[in-house]
Amino acid sequence: MTFDVTYALTYNVSMFPIHKTFSIRDLQRRYREVIETAKQSQDAVVLINKSVPEAVLLDKQTYDELVRDEYIYDEPYLLKLIKQAKSSYISGKAKKLQSWDELDA
């Protein structure tokens, strides 16, 4: 029984990292400390209101890294990739594969 509980705790902790948390009141009273924590950790700081997560605070660099790349499911980006693939096919740069195994070659 102890093994199962230990395994479950280890599994849950490794799957969900524990973020630094502050209450909304902490943000109001200790604004600079909360901001510095986000900057130094370069990780999410969770803001809690009445024991419920309400918002997430990120430092500017971490935020920029999250939004700088085009999203893989972004429609304009996918249409651009399709247009590039079609252009390669029309110009003869594409190779027709006979099987999936040729992808590794």
Protein backbone atom coordinates (compact mmCIF):
# COMPACT_ATOMS: atom_id res chain seq x y z
CA MET A 1 0.00 0.00 0.00
CA THR A 2 2.80 2.42 0.84
CA PHE A 3 4.44 1.75 -2.52
CA ASP A 4 1.29 2.76 -4.41
CA VAL A 5 0.94 6.01 -2.47
CA THR A 6 4.62 6.86 -2.92
CA TYR A 7 4.43 6.12 -6.64
CA ALA A 8 1.30 8.24 -7.04
CA LEU A 9 2.88 11.17 -5.19
CA THR A 10 6.10 10.92 -7.21
CA TYR A 11 4.16 10.69 -10.46
CA ASN A 12 1.95 13.68 -9.66
CA VAL A 13 4.82 15.88 -8.50
CA SER A 14 6.90 15.16 -11.59
CA MET A 15 3.98 15.77 -13.95
CA PHE A 16 2.88 19.08 -12.45
CA PRO A 17 5.68 21.41 -11.36
CA ILE A 18 4.96 23.50 -8.30
CA HIS A 19 4.98 27.19 -9.14
CA LYS A 20 5.65 30.03 -6.76
CA THR A 21 2.37 31.47 -5.52
CA PHE A 22 1.29 34.80 -4.07
CA SER A 23 -2.08 36.02 -2.96
CA ILE A 24 -3.73 38.97 -4.65
CA ARG A 25 -3.23 40.84 -1.39
CA ASP A 26 0.51 40.08 -1.59
CA LEU A 27 0.55 41.58 -5.06
CA GLN A 28 -1.12 44.74 -3.75
CA ARG A 29 1.16 45.08 -0.74
CA ARG A 30 4.46 43.67 -2.01
CA TYR A 31 4.29 44.45 -5.72
CA ARG A 32 8.07 44.77 -6.21
CA GLU A 33 8.82 41.43 -4.50
CA VAL A 34 6.26 39.57 -6.62
CA ILE A 35 7.62 41.08 -9.84
CA GLU A 36 11.22 40.31 -8.86
CA THR A 37 10.26 36.71 -8.11
CA ALA A 38 8.81 36.35 -11.61
CA LYS A 39 11.91 37.94 -13.17
CA GLN A 40 14.42 35.85 -11.23
CA SER A 41 12.64 32.51 -11.57
CA GLN A 42 11.75 33.02 -15.25
CA ASP A 43 8.74 30.85 -14.50
CA ALA A 44 5.07 31.36 -13.86
CA VAL A 45 4.02 33.03 -10.63
CA VAL A 46 0.47 32.06 -9.73
CA LEU A 47 -1.75 34.71 -8.14
CA ILE A 48 -4.34 33.26 -5.78
CA ASN A 49 -7.60 34.79 -4.57
CA LYS A 50 -9.38 32.99 -1.70
CA SER A 51 -7.37 29.79 -2.28
CA VAL A 52 -8.27 29.70 -5.98
CA PRO A 53 -5.73 30.42 -8.74
CA GLU A 54 -6.92 33.56 -10.49
CA ALA A 55 -4.07 34.74 -12.70
CA VAL A 56 -0.55 33.91 -13.82
CA LEU A 57 2.28 36.42 -13.91
CA LEU A 58 5.26 36.01 -16.26
CA ASP A 59 8.36 38.11 -16.69
CA LYS A 60 8.67 39.90 -20.05
CA GLN A 61 11.39 37.65 -21.47
CA THR A 62 9.44 34.45 -20.75
CA TYR A 63 6.28 35.95 -22.23
CA ASP A 64 8.15 37.04 -25.38
CA GLU A 65 9.55 33.53 -25.82
CA LEU A 66 6.05 32.07 -25.57
CA VAL A 67 4.52 34.33 -28.20
CA ARG A 68 7.39 34.98 -30.63
CA ASP A 69 6.99 31.78 -32.66
CA GLU A 70 4.11 31.35 -35.03
CA TYR A 71 1.65 28.89 -33.59
CA ILE A 72 1.54 25.52 -35.29
CA TYR A 73 -2.25 25.64 -35.52
CA ASP A 74 -2.40 29.22 -36.73
CA GLU A 75 -4.35 29.19 -40.02
CA PRO A 76 -2.29 31.84 -41.89
CA TYR A 77 0.90 29.99 -40.93
CA LEU A 78 -0.47 26.64 -42.16
CA LEU A 79 -1.66 28.21 -45.42
CA LYS A 80 1.85 29.62 -45.92
CA LEU A 81 3.35 26.13 -45.45
CA ILE A 82 0.87 24.63 -47.91
CA LYS A 83 1.72 27.32 -50.47
CA GLN A 84 5.46 26.61 -50.04
CA ALA A 85 4.89 22.85 -50.45
CA LYS A 86 2.79 23.39 -53.58
CA SER A 87 5.45 25.69 -55.03
CA SER A 88 8.14 23.07 -54.38
CA TYR A 89 5.99 20.41 -56.04
CA ILE A 90 5.30 22.54 -59.13
CA SER A 91 8.99 23.44 -59.54
CA GLY A 92 9.98 19.76 -59.36
CA LYS A 93 11.79 20.00 -56.04
CA ALA A 94 9.46 17.55 -54.33
CA LYS A 95 10.19 13.81 -54.38
CA LYS A 96 7.36 11.32 -54.71
CA LEU A 97 7.71 8.57 -52.11
CA GLN A 98 6.75 4.99 -52.82
CA SER A 99 6.53 4.05 -49.13
CA TRP A 100 6.79 5.56 -45.63
CA ASP A 101 10.17 3.85 -45.17
CA GLU A 102 11.70 6.28 -47.66
CA LEU A 103 11.22 9.12 -45.16
CA ASP A 104 14.07 7.74 -43.06
CA ALA A 105 16.43 7.54 -46.04
